[in-house]
Amino acid sequence: MANYTTTYSERWENLTLANNFLFCKIMESEPDLCKELLELLLHIKIDHLEKPVAERTMQESISSKAVRFDVYTKDDNRIFDVEMQTVNKTNLPKRARYYQSIIDVSNLNSGIDYDELKDTYIIFICLNDLFGKGHPVYTFKNICNEDRSVNLNDGTFKVFFNASACDKMSSAEERAFFNFLTGNSADTNFTRRLSEKMLLARKNLEWRNQFMTFREQFKEELEEAEKEGVERGLEQGIAKGEELNALKNAENLLKMKLLTPEQISQAVELPLEKILELKGQVLN
């Protein structure tokens, strides 16, 4: 478990742009940098961007789950939500789905035609590869399964970036941004400007105090979240060990040739498809 005895002052001085608090503060206070980042990530042009709002909270109703967007902004025709994600959580696709729905409900008043819905981009900047395929970016939009040339054109986009594969990104500017994000030096005009803002941010006493207050306020929650992650990892490890043991037992039973695959499947509590696959490996 992490050692929270490290002083918050030390944490503050060593923050990178990947820190959620610092990222949100800089994007909110520097709309031009936020605009440039969106143009860089999405390969689009933005004429005018509304002032970004950090940690904006939306809720459909009192009984529904509220969401807090890291950086929320819009132009005339599009809405953007940028999430800084330093922990590789498997629930991000469902989160993106829910975020999308909340944005739609919040931006379409009663009596307004559906055509008035703006295009919406839900963007997760991840330090790791959420989908495990090695791509630097995963972009999702609704396409017909039966005919991939048919696009639903509903104006929804969900984009997940993988900083660990930044060397595969299409432009030098993108590669430089993600290298800087993870703590490397700034070597482009954009990243140098970000670096300057980070230096100024560390001297901002109000932000520093807010960061310390936030860390102290949620210390127990952070510790509990980390503990939960460790316990989940142990549970997954135990489950994997049980599966390997069942496979070994199935392999021994197959070699004995005394039971049918169906009987072995029931005996070791593994799917029949897995037993048949194993049979092909063991007996061939």
Protein backbone atom coordinates (compact mmCIF):
# COMPACT_ATOMS: atom_id res chain seq x y z
CA MET A 1 0.00 0.00 0.00
CA ALA A 2 1.21 3.52 -0.79
CA ASN A 3 2.90 5.51 1.94
CA TYR A 4 0.77 8.59 2.56
CA THR A 5 3.29 9.98 5.05
CA THR A 6 5.06 11.69 2.14
CA THR A 7 4.37 15.38 2.58
CA TYR A 8 1.83 16.95 0.29
CA SER A 9 4.35 19.70 -0.46
CA GLU A 10 6.70 17.09 -1.89
CA ARG A 11 3.87 15.57 -3.89
CA TRP A 12 2.90 18.97 -5.22
CA GLU A 13 6.45 19.80 -6.35
CA ASN A 14 6.77 16.48 -8.22
CA LEU A 15 3.43 16.45 -10.02
CA THR A 16 3.38 15.81 -13.78
CA LEU A 17 0.65 16.94 -16.17
CA ALA A 18 -0.84 13.43 -15.81
CA ASN A 19 -2.00 14.39 -12.33
CA ASN A 20 -5.74 14.90 -12.58
CA PHE A 21 -5.85 17.94 -10.28
CA LEU A 22 -3.07 19.81 -12.08
CA PHE A 23 -4.33 18.89 -15.55
CA CYS A 24 -7.83 20.16 -14.78
CA LYS A 25 -6.57 23.41 -13.28
CA ILE A 26 -4.32 24.21 -16.24
CA MET A 27 -6.94 23.35 -18.87
CA GLU A 28 -9.58 25.44 -17.08
CA SER A 29 -7.32 28.47 -16.63
CA GLU A 30 -5.78 28.32 -20.12
CA PRO A 31 -8.57 27.94 -22.74
CA ASP A 32 -6.11 28.44 -25.60
CA LEU A 33 -4.04 25.48 -24.44
CA CYS A 34 -7.18 23.39 -24.01
CA LYS A 35 -8.28 24.32 -27.54
CA GLU A 36 -4.86 23.43 -28.95
CA LEU A 37 -4.87 20.11 -27.11
CA LEU A 38 -8.29 19.15 -28.51
CA GLU A 39 -7.19 20.08 -32.02
CA LEU A 40 -4.03 18.01 -31.59
CA LEU A 41 -5.78 14.93 -30.20
CA LEU A 42 -8.81 14.90 -32.50
CA HIS A 43 -7.24 16.30 -35.68
CA ILE A 44 -9.94 18.96 -35.99
CA LYS A 45 -10.09 22.75 -36.16
CA ILE A 46 -11.92 24.78 -33.51
CA ASP A 47 -12.77 28.40 -34.24
CA HIS A 48 -13.91 29.35 -30.76
CA LEU A 49 -13.98 27.31 -27.58
CA GLU A 50 -16.10 28.17 -24.56
CA LYS A 51 -14.20 28.54 -21.31
CA PRO A 52 -13.43 25.02 -20.06
CA VAL A 53 -14.97 24.01 -16.74
CA ALA A 54 -13.01 21.67 -14.47
CA GLU A 55 -14.82 19.02 -12.43
CA ARG A 56 -18.26 20.02 -13.70
CA THR A 57 -20.97 17.93 -12.07
CA MET A 58 -24.13 16.83 -13.90
CA GLN A 59 -27.03 14.71 -12.70
CA GLU A 60 -30.18 13.71 -14.58
CA SER A 61 -32.32 13.46 -11.43
CA ILE A 62 -31.97 13.25 -7.67
CA SER A 63 -32.18 9.46 -7.81
CA SER A 64 -29.71 9.01 -10.69
CA LYS A 65 -25.94 8.72 -10.41
CA ALA A 66 -24.13 12.06 -10.71
CA VAL A 67 -21.01 12.39 -12.83
CA ARG A 68 -18.11 14.80 -12.51
CA PHE A 69 -16.36 15.65 -15.77
CA ASP A 70 -12.65 16.43 -15.54
CA VAL A 71 -12.64 19.09 -18.27
CA TYR A 72 -15.93 20.04 -19.94
CA THR A 73 -16.16 22.53 -22.80
CA LYS A 74 -17.90 23.14 -26.13
CA ASP A 75 -17.82 25.11 -29.34
CA ASP A 76 -20.78 26.04 -31.55
CA ASN A 77 -21.49 22.50 -32.73
CA ARG A 78 -19.58 20.13 -30.44
CA ILE A 79 -19.23 19.19 -26.78
CA PHE A 80 -15.96 17.86 -25.37
CA ASP A 81 -15.28 15.96 -22.16
CA VAL A 82 -11.61 15.23 -21.46
CA GLU A 83 -10.79 12.73 -18.71
CA MET A 84 -7.28 12.21 -17.35
CA GLN A 85 -7.08 8.53 -16.40
CA THR A 86 -3.94 7.38 -14.59
CA VAL A 87 -5.38 4.06 -13.36
CA ASN A 88 -6.35 1.40 -15.88
CA LYS A 89 -9.97 0.73 -14.91
CA THR A 90 -12.04 -1.82 -16.84
CA ASN A 91 -15.25 0.17 -16.39
CA LEU A 92 -14.19 3.04 -18.65
CA PRO A 93 -16.30 1.92 -21.65
CA LYS A 94 -19.45 1.86 -19.50
CA ARG A 95 -18.46 5.17 -17.93
CA ALA A 96 -18.12 6.67 -21.40
CA ARG A 97 -21.59 5.40 -22.26
CA TYR A 98 -23.11 6.95 -19.14
CA TYR A 99 -21.23 10.24 -19.58
CA GLN A 100 -22.59 10.42 -23.12
CA SER A 101 -26.17 9.93 -21.96
CA ILE A 102 -25.89 12.54 -19.20
CA ILE A 103 -24.49 15.11 -21.63
CA ASP A 104 -27.32 14.48 -24.09
CA VAL A 105 -30.04 14.78 -21.45
CA SER A 106 -28.48 17.95 -20.04
CA ASN A 107 -28.23 19.64 -23.43
CA LEU A 108 -31.62 18.91 -24.98
CA ASN A 109 -34.46 20.83 -23.43
CA SER A 110 -38.11 19.84 -23.65
CA GLY A 111 -39.62 20.61 -27.06
CA ILE A 112 -36.28 20.81 -28.87
CA ASP A 113 -35.78 18.62 -31.93
CA TYR A 114 -33.26 15.76 -31.74
CA ASP A 115 -31.35 17.31 -34.63
CA GLU A 116 -30.26 20.00 -32.19
CA LEU A 117 -28.07 17.53 -30.28
CA LYS A 118 -24.44 18.56 -30.66
CA ASP A 119 -21.70 16.16 -31.67
CA THR A 120 -20.10 14.85 -28.49
CA TYR A 121 -16.55 13.64 -27.84
CA ILE A 122 -15.81 11.63 -24.69
CA ILE A 123 -12.01 11.51 -24.42
CA PHE A 124 -10.02 9.39 -21.99
CA ILE A 125 -6.29 10.11 -21.81
CA CYS A 126 -4.96 6.84 -20.37
CA LEU A 127 -1.40 6.10 -19.32
CA ASN A 128 -1.86 2.40 -20.13
CA ASP A 129 -3.44 0.28 -22.85
CA LEU A 130 -7.06 -0.25 -21.84
CA PHE A 131 -7.79 -2.72 -24.64
CA GLY A 132 -4.43 -4.51 -24.81
CA LYS A 133 -4.02 -4.32 -28.59
CA GLY A 134 -1.02 -2.01 -28.69
CA HIS A 135 -2.72 0.85 -30.51
CA PRO A 136 -1.89 4.43 -29.48
CA VAL A 137 -5.52 5.49 -29.82
CA TYR A 138 -8.88 3.71 -29.99
CA THR A 139 -11.73 5.70 -31.60
CA PHE A 140 -15.29 4.40 -31.43
CA LYS A 141 -18.33 5.52 -33.38
CA ASN A 142 -21.51 3.67 -34.29
CA ILE A 143 -21.17 1.68 -37.51
CA CYS A 144 -23.51 -0.95 -38.98
CA ASN A 145 -22.23 -4.50 -38.39
CA GLU A 146 -23.88 -5.80 -41.57
CA ASP A 147 -22.40 -3.08 -43.78
CA ARG A 148 -19.30 -1.33 -42.40
CA SER A 149 -19.71 1.46 -44.96
CA VAL A 150 -22.92 2.56 -43.20
CA ASN A 151 -22.32 5.03 -40.37
CA LEU A 152 -25.12 5.81 -37.94
CA ASN A 153 -23.98 9.45 -37.95
CA ASP A 154 -25.39 10.08 -34.49
CA GLY A 155 -22.55 12.46 -33.68
CA THR A 156 -21.11 10.47 -30.78
CA PHE A 157 -17.40 9.70 -30.48
CA LYS A 158 -15.54 7.91 -27.71
CA VAL A 159 -11.77 8.16 -27.88
CA PHE A 160 -9.28 6.35 -25.63
CA PHE A 161 -5.60 7.30 -25.82
CA ASN A 162 -2.80 4.97 -24.78
CA ALA A 163 0.23 6.94 -23.64
CA SER A 164 2.34 3.77 -23.36
CA ALA A 165 2.28 3.49 -27.18
CA CYS A 166 2.95 7.16 -27.88
CA ASP A 167 5.88 6.25 -30.16
CA LYS A 168 3.26 4.93 -32.63
CA MET A 169 1.24 8.14 -32.76
CA SER A 170 0.79 9.74 -36.13
CA SER A 171 2.53 13.08 -35.59
CA ALA A 172 5.65 14.29 -33.83
CA GLU A 173 3.52 16.82 -31.92
CA GLU A 174 1.32 14.07 -30.50
CA ARG A 175 4.30 11.95 -29.54
CA ALA A 176 5.90 14.95 -27.84
CA PHE A 177 2.76 15.73 -25.86
CA PHE A 178 2.37 12.19 -24.49
CA ASN A 179 6.07 11.97 -23.70
CA PHE A 180 5.78 15.21 -21.76
CA LEU A 181 2.60 13.99 -20.08
CA THR A 182 4.51 11.08 -18.57
CA GLY A 183 7.29 13.26 -17.18
CA ASN A 184 9.77 13.64 -20.04
CA SER A 185 11.21 16.93 -21.26
CA ALA A 186 9.29 19.48 -23.30
CA ASP A 187 10.66 19.74 -26.83
CA THR A 188 7.90 21.39 -28.87
CA ASN A 189 6.35 24.84 -28.66
CA PHE A 190 3.13 23.38 -27.24
CA THR A 191 4.81 21.27 -24.55
CA ARG A 192 7.14 24.10 -23.59
CA ARG A 193 4.12 26.34 -23.03
CA LEU A 194 2.54 23.61 -20.91
CA SER A 195 5.77 23.30 -18.95
CA GLU A 196 5.79 27.04 -18.27
CA LYS A 197 2.20 26.87 -16.99
CA MET A 198 3.13 23.97 -14.71
CA LEU A 199 5.97 26.00 -13.20
CA LEU A 200 3.55 28.85 -12.56
CA ALA A 201 0.99 26.42 -11.15
CA ARG A 202 3.44 25.17 -8.53
CA LYS A 203 3.81 28.75 -7.32
CA ASN A 204 0.05 29.22 -7.09
CA LEU A 205 -0.60 29.08 -3.34
CA GLU A 206 -4.37 28.80 -3.79
CA TRP A 207 -4.03 25.73 -6.00
CA ARG A 208 -1.40 24.25 -3.70
CA ASN A 209 -3.72 24.60 -0.70
CA GLN A 210 -6.63 23.15 -2.67
CA PHE A 211 -4.50 20.16 -3.64
CA MET A 212 -3.47 19.54 -0.05
CA THR A 213 -7.05 19.91 1.17
CA PHE A 214 -8.27 17.52 -1.48
CA ARG A 215 -5.66 14.89 -0.62
CA GLU A 216 -6.37 15.16 3.10
CA GLN A 217 -10.15 15.13 2.62
CA PHE A 218 -10.09 11.98 0.52
CA LYS A 219 -7.14 10.22 2.18
CA GLU A 220 -9.28 7.39 3.57
CA GLU A 221 -11.10 6.96 0.26
CA LEU A 222 -7.80 6.80 -1.63
CA GLU A 223 -6.39 4.22 0.77
CA GLU A 224 -9.57 2.17 0.55
CA ALA A 225 -9.54 2.32 -3.25
CA GLU A 226 -5.97 1.08 -3.34
CA LYS A 227 -6.75 -1.68 -0.87
CA GLU A 228 -9.72 -2.71 -2.98
CA GLY A 229 -7.48 -2.86 -6.03
CA VAL A 230 -4.99 -5.12 -4.26
CA GLU A 231 -7.74 -7.41 -3.00
CA ARG A 232 -9.26 -7.59 -6.49
CA GLY A 233 -5.87 -8.57 -7.85
CA LEU A 234 -5.57 -11.34 -5.26
CA GLU A 235 -9.04 -12.62 -6.12
CA GLN A 236 -8.14 -12.69 -9.81
CA GLY A 237 -4.92 -14.53 -9.01
CA ILE A 238 -6.79 -17.15 -6.96
CA ALA A 239 -9.34 -17.62 -9.74
CA LYS A 240 -6.54 -18.08 -12.28
CA GLY A 241 -4.86 -20.66 -10.06
CA GLU A 242 -8.12 -22.59 -9.70
CA GLU A 243 -8.58 -22.60 -13.47
CA LEU A 244 -5.05 -23.90 -14.05
CA ASN A 245 -5.63 -26.67 -11.51
CA ALA A 246 -8.90 -27.66 -13.21
CA LEU A 247 -7.16 -27.77 -16.59
CA LYS A 248 -4.44 -30.02 -15.19
CA ASN A 249 -7.05 -32.40 -13.76
CA ALA A 250 -8.91 -32.42 -17.07
CA GLU A 251 -5.69 -33.20 -18.92
CA ASN A 252 -5.01 -36.21 -16.65
CA LEU A 253 -8.57 -37.52 -17.10
CA LEU A 254 -8.30 -37.18 -20.88
CA LYS A 255 -5.08 -39.18 -20.90
CA MET A 256 -6.76 -41.96 -18.87
CA LYS A 257 -9.52 -42.21 -21.55
CA LEU A 258 -12.07 -43.42 -18.99
CA LEU A 259 -14.56 -40.55 -19.24
CA THR A 260 -16.23 -38.67 -22.07
CA PRO A 261 -15.44 -34.98 -22.58
CA GLU A 262 -18.95 -34.19 -21.31
CA GLN A 263 -18.30 -36.10 -18.07
CA ILE A 264 -14.90 -34.45 -17.62
CA SER A 265 -16.49 -31.06 -18.16
CA GLN A 266 -18.90 -31.72 -15.32
CA ALA A 267 -16.21 -33.21 -13.07
CA VAL A 268 -13.76 -30.30 -13.26
CA GLU A 269 -16.40 -27.58 -13.80
CA LEU A 270 -14.95 -26.25 -17.04
CA PRO A 271 -16.86 -25.47 -20.28
CA LEU A 272 -17.14 -28.37 -22.71
CA GLU A 273 -15.54 -26.22 -25.42
CA LYS A 274 -12.45 -25.86 -23.25
CA ILE A 275 -12.29 -29.64 -22.69
CA LEU A 276 -12.61 -30.35 -26.41
CA GLU A 277 -9.88 -27.83 -27.17
CA LEU A 278 -7.65 -29.45 -24.55
CA LYS A 279 -8.44 -32.92 -25.95
CA GLY A 280 -7.14 -31.84 -29.34
CA GLN A 281 -3.89 -30.71 -27.75
CA VAL A 282 -3.38 -33.71 -25.46
CA LEU A 283 -4.34 -36.60 -27.71
CA ASN A 284 -2.89 -35.42 -31.02
